[in-house]
Protein backbone atom coordinates (compact mmCIF):
# COMPACT_ATOMS: atom_id res chain seq x y z
CA UNK A 1 -6.79 4.09 14.58
CA UNK A 2 -3.40 4.06 12.86
CA UNK A 3 -2.66 2.55 9.46
CA UNK A 4 0.54 0.96 8.16
CA UNK A 5 1.50 -0.70 4.88
CA UNK A 6 3.47 -3.95 5.01
CA UNK A 7 4.52 -6.98 2.97
CA UNK A 8 5.20 -5.21 -0.33
CA UNK A 9 5.62 -7.43 -3.38
CA UNK A 10 7.82 -6.36 -5.06
CA UNK A 11 9.79 -4.54 -2.37
CA UNK A 12 10.17 -1.51 -4.65
CA UNK A 13 6.54 -0.71 -3.82
CA UNK A 14 7.75 0.89 -0.58
CA UNK A 15 9.35 3.66 -2.63
CA UNK A 16 6.29 4.56 -4.73
CA UNK A 17 3.28 3.82 -2.49
CA UNK A 18 2.58 5.62 0.79
CA UNK A 19 -0.21 5.23 3.34
CA UNK A 20 -1.31 8.11 5.56
CA UNK A 21 -1.06 6.69 9.11
CA UNK A 22 -4.01 8.78 10.36
CA UNK A 23 -6.52 8.38 7.50
CA UNK A 24 -5.38 5.22 5.66
CA UNK A 25 -5.34 7.13 2.37
CA UNK A 26 -3.13 5.43 -0.22
CA UNK A 27 -1.05 7.72 -2.46
CA UNK A 28 1.50 7.32 -5.22
CA UNK A 29 4.81 9.03 -4.51
CA UNK A 30 6.21 8.58 -8.04
CA UNK A 31 5.08 7.59 -11.52
CA UNK A 32 4.50 3.90 -12.20
CA UNK A 33 5.93 2.17 -15.27
CA UNK A 34 4.13 -0.89 -16.67
CA UNK A 35 7.35 -2.13 -18.28
CA UNK A 36 9.10 -2.25 -14.87
CA UNK A 37 6.31 -3.58 -12.61
CA UNK A 38 2.75 -4.38 -13.66
CA UNK A 39 1.33 -5.34 -10.23
CA UNK A 40 1.99 -4.19 -6.66
CA UNK A 41 0.66 -6.33 -3.83
CA UNK A 42 0.72 -5.21 -0.17
CA UNK A 43 -1.21 -5.27 3.10
CA UNK A 44 -2.73 -2.44 5.10
CA UNK A 45 -2.98 -2.94 8.85
CA UNK A 46 -5.36 -0.87 10.98
CA UNK A 47 -4.66 -0.82 14.74
CA UNK A 48 -6.63 0.94 17.44
CA UNK A 49 -5.27 2.42 20.67
CA UNK A 50 -7.34 0.32 23.04
CA UNK A 51 -6.14 -1.87 25.89
CA UNK A 52 -5.33 -4.34 24.51
CA UNK A 53 -4.99 -2.86 21.02
CA UNK A 54 -6.99 -4.60 18.30
CA UNK A 55 -5.92 -4.81 14.68
CA UNK A 56 -7.15 -5.96 11.32
CA UNK A 57 -5.64 -6.04 7.85
CA UNK A 58 -6.58 -6.18 4.21
CA UNK A 59 -4.80 -7.02 0.99
CA UNK A 60 -4.39 -4.31 -1.67
CA UNK A 61 -3.50 -5.05 -5.29
CA UNK A 62 -2.56 -2.20 -7.62
CA UNK A 63 -2.56 -3.13 -11.30
CA UNK A 64 -0.57 -0.83 -13.57
CA UNK A 65 -2.03 -0.32 -17.05
CA UNK A 66 0.11 0.30 -20.12
CA UNK A 67 -1.33 3.55 -21.50
CA UNK A 68 1.14 3.69 -24.41
CA UNK A 69 -0.55 0.83 -26.28
């Protein structure tokens, strides 16, 4: 099974969120700032290597908390 992240809202999510294509693990690549973006919304697609390949997807929502308040 391989995993990919798609449909980022906002598009800047591509720069700070990464998905391991082998395990599906979601990681942050940079610090998040509540004042810039408070919510990231994207999809994860899982696709197998069968013939024909089958796939499924899920929606992921990351809410950023303001820890300064």
